[in-house]
Protein backbone atom coordinates (compact mmCIF):
# COMPACT_ATOMS: atom_id res chain seq x y z
CA UNK A 1 106.22 98.08 76.32
CA UNK A 2 103.31 96.39 78.06
CA UNK A 3 102.67 96.84 81.73
CA UNK A 4 103.49 93.14 82.72
CA UNK A 5 106.87 93.37 80.99
CA UNK A 6 107.55 96.72 82.72
CA UNK A 7 106.58 95.28 86.05
CA UNK A 8 109.11 92.39 85.61
CA UNK A 9 111.87 94.76 84.67
CA UNK A 10 111.13 96.83 87.78
CA UNK A 11 111.18 93.69 89.85
CA UNK A 12 114.57 92.72 88.46
CA UNK A 13 115.98 96.14 89.17
CA UNK A 14 114.66 96.17 92.72
CA UNK A 15 115.88 92.62 93.32
CA UNK A 16 119.42 93.63 92.21
CA UNK A 17 119.37 96.61 94.63
CA UNK A 18 118.10 94.49 97.45
CA UNK A 19 120.74 91.83 96.82
CA UNK A 20 123.53 94.45 96.97
CA UNK A 21 122.16 95.50 100.37
CA UNK A 22 122.12 91.88 101.51
CA UNK A 23 118.28 91.67 101.48
CA UNK A 24 115.94 89.20 99.67
CA UNK A 25 112.92 90.41 97.68
CA UNK A 26 110.00 88.08 98.31
CA UNK A 27 107.08 88.02 95.89
CA UNK A 28 103.80 86.42 96.82
CA UNK A 29 103.08 83.15 94.99
CA UNK A 30 99.32 82.87 95.51
CA UNK A 31 97.87 86.30 96.17
CA UNK A 32 94.49 86.58 97.82
CA UNK A 33 92.08 89.43 97.15
CA UNK A 34 93.74 91.80 99.62
CA UNK A 35 97.21 91.34 98.19
CA UNK A 36 95.89 91.56 94.59
CA UNK A 37 94.34 94.88 95.36
CA UNK A 38 97.52 96.36 96.73
CA UNK A 39 100.97 94.84 97.45
CA UNK A 40 102.56 91.49 96.85
CA UNK A 41 106.11 92.15 98.09
CA UNK A 42 108.19 91.86 101.22
CA UNK A 43 111.88 92.31 102.09
CA UNK A 44 113.73 89.81 104.25
CA UNK A 45 117.22 89.61 105.77
CA UNK A 46 118.50 86.22 104.50
CA UNK A 47 120.70 85.49 107.59
CA UNK A 48 118.06 85.90 110.18
CA UNK A 49 115.04 85.35 107.98
CA UNK A 50 113.47 88.46 109.65
CA UNK A 51 111.00 90.38 107.58
CA UNK A 52 112.07 94.04 107.54
CA UNK A 53 109.44 95.50 105.24
CA UNK A 54 106.13 94.60 103.73
CA UNK A 55 104.26 92.89 106.56
CA UNK A 56 102.86 95.80 108.55
CA UNK A 57 99.07 95.26 108.03
CA UNK A 58 99.18 91.85 106.36
CA UNK A 59 101.89 89.69 104.71
CA UNK A 60 103.07 91.01 101.33
CA UNK A 61 101.37 94.39 101.83
CA UNK A 62 104.05 96.47 99.99
CA UNK A 63 103.86 97.26 96.29
CA UNK A 64 107.00 97.46 94.23
CA UNK A 65 107.16 101.27 94.32
CA UNK A 66 107.04 101.25 98.17
CA UNK A 67 109.76 98.60 98.18
CA UNK A 68 111.95 100.63 95.88
CA UNK A 69 111.45 103.77 98.04
CA UNK A 70 112.28 101.80 101.19
CA UNK A 71 115.53 100.48 99.60
CA UNK A 72 116.64 104.07 98.73
CA UNK A 73 116.26 105.15 102.38
CA UNK A 74 117.83 101.93 103.64
CA UNK A 75 120.77 102.34 101.31
CA UNK A 76 121.38 105.92 102.63
CA UNK A 77 121.11 104.89 106.27
CA UNK A 78 123.26 101.75 106.04
CA UNK A 79 126.15 103.57 104.40
């Protein structure tokens, strides 16, 4: 399987987990050089529109692996 196809499948899996936790996975539409180098994802609470992960240093600063790890911890603490 090629890397782009694998990336999309990871995004789908992470999106499903985020949705179950009532979060929204946001993916950058037009990445700048900084986002292309590392990142491209944020998590948002749909009700409040508050960004809860992925905007520490700059918008969309999290990569998909960081989002996945955050969701695992979030899932355990929200139970």
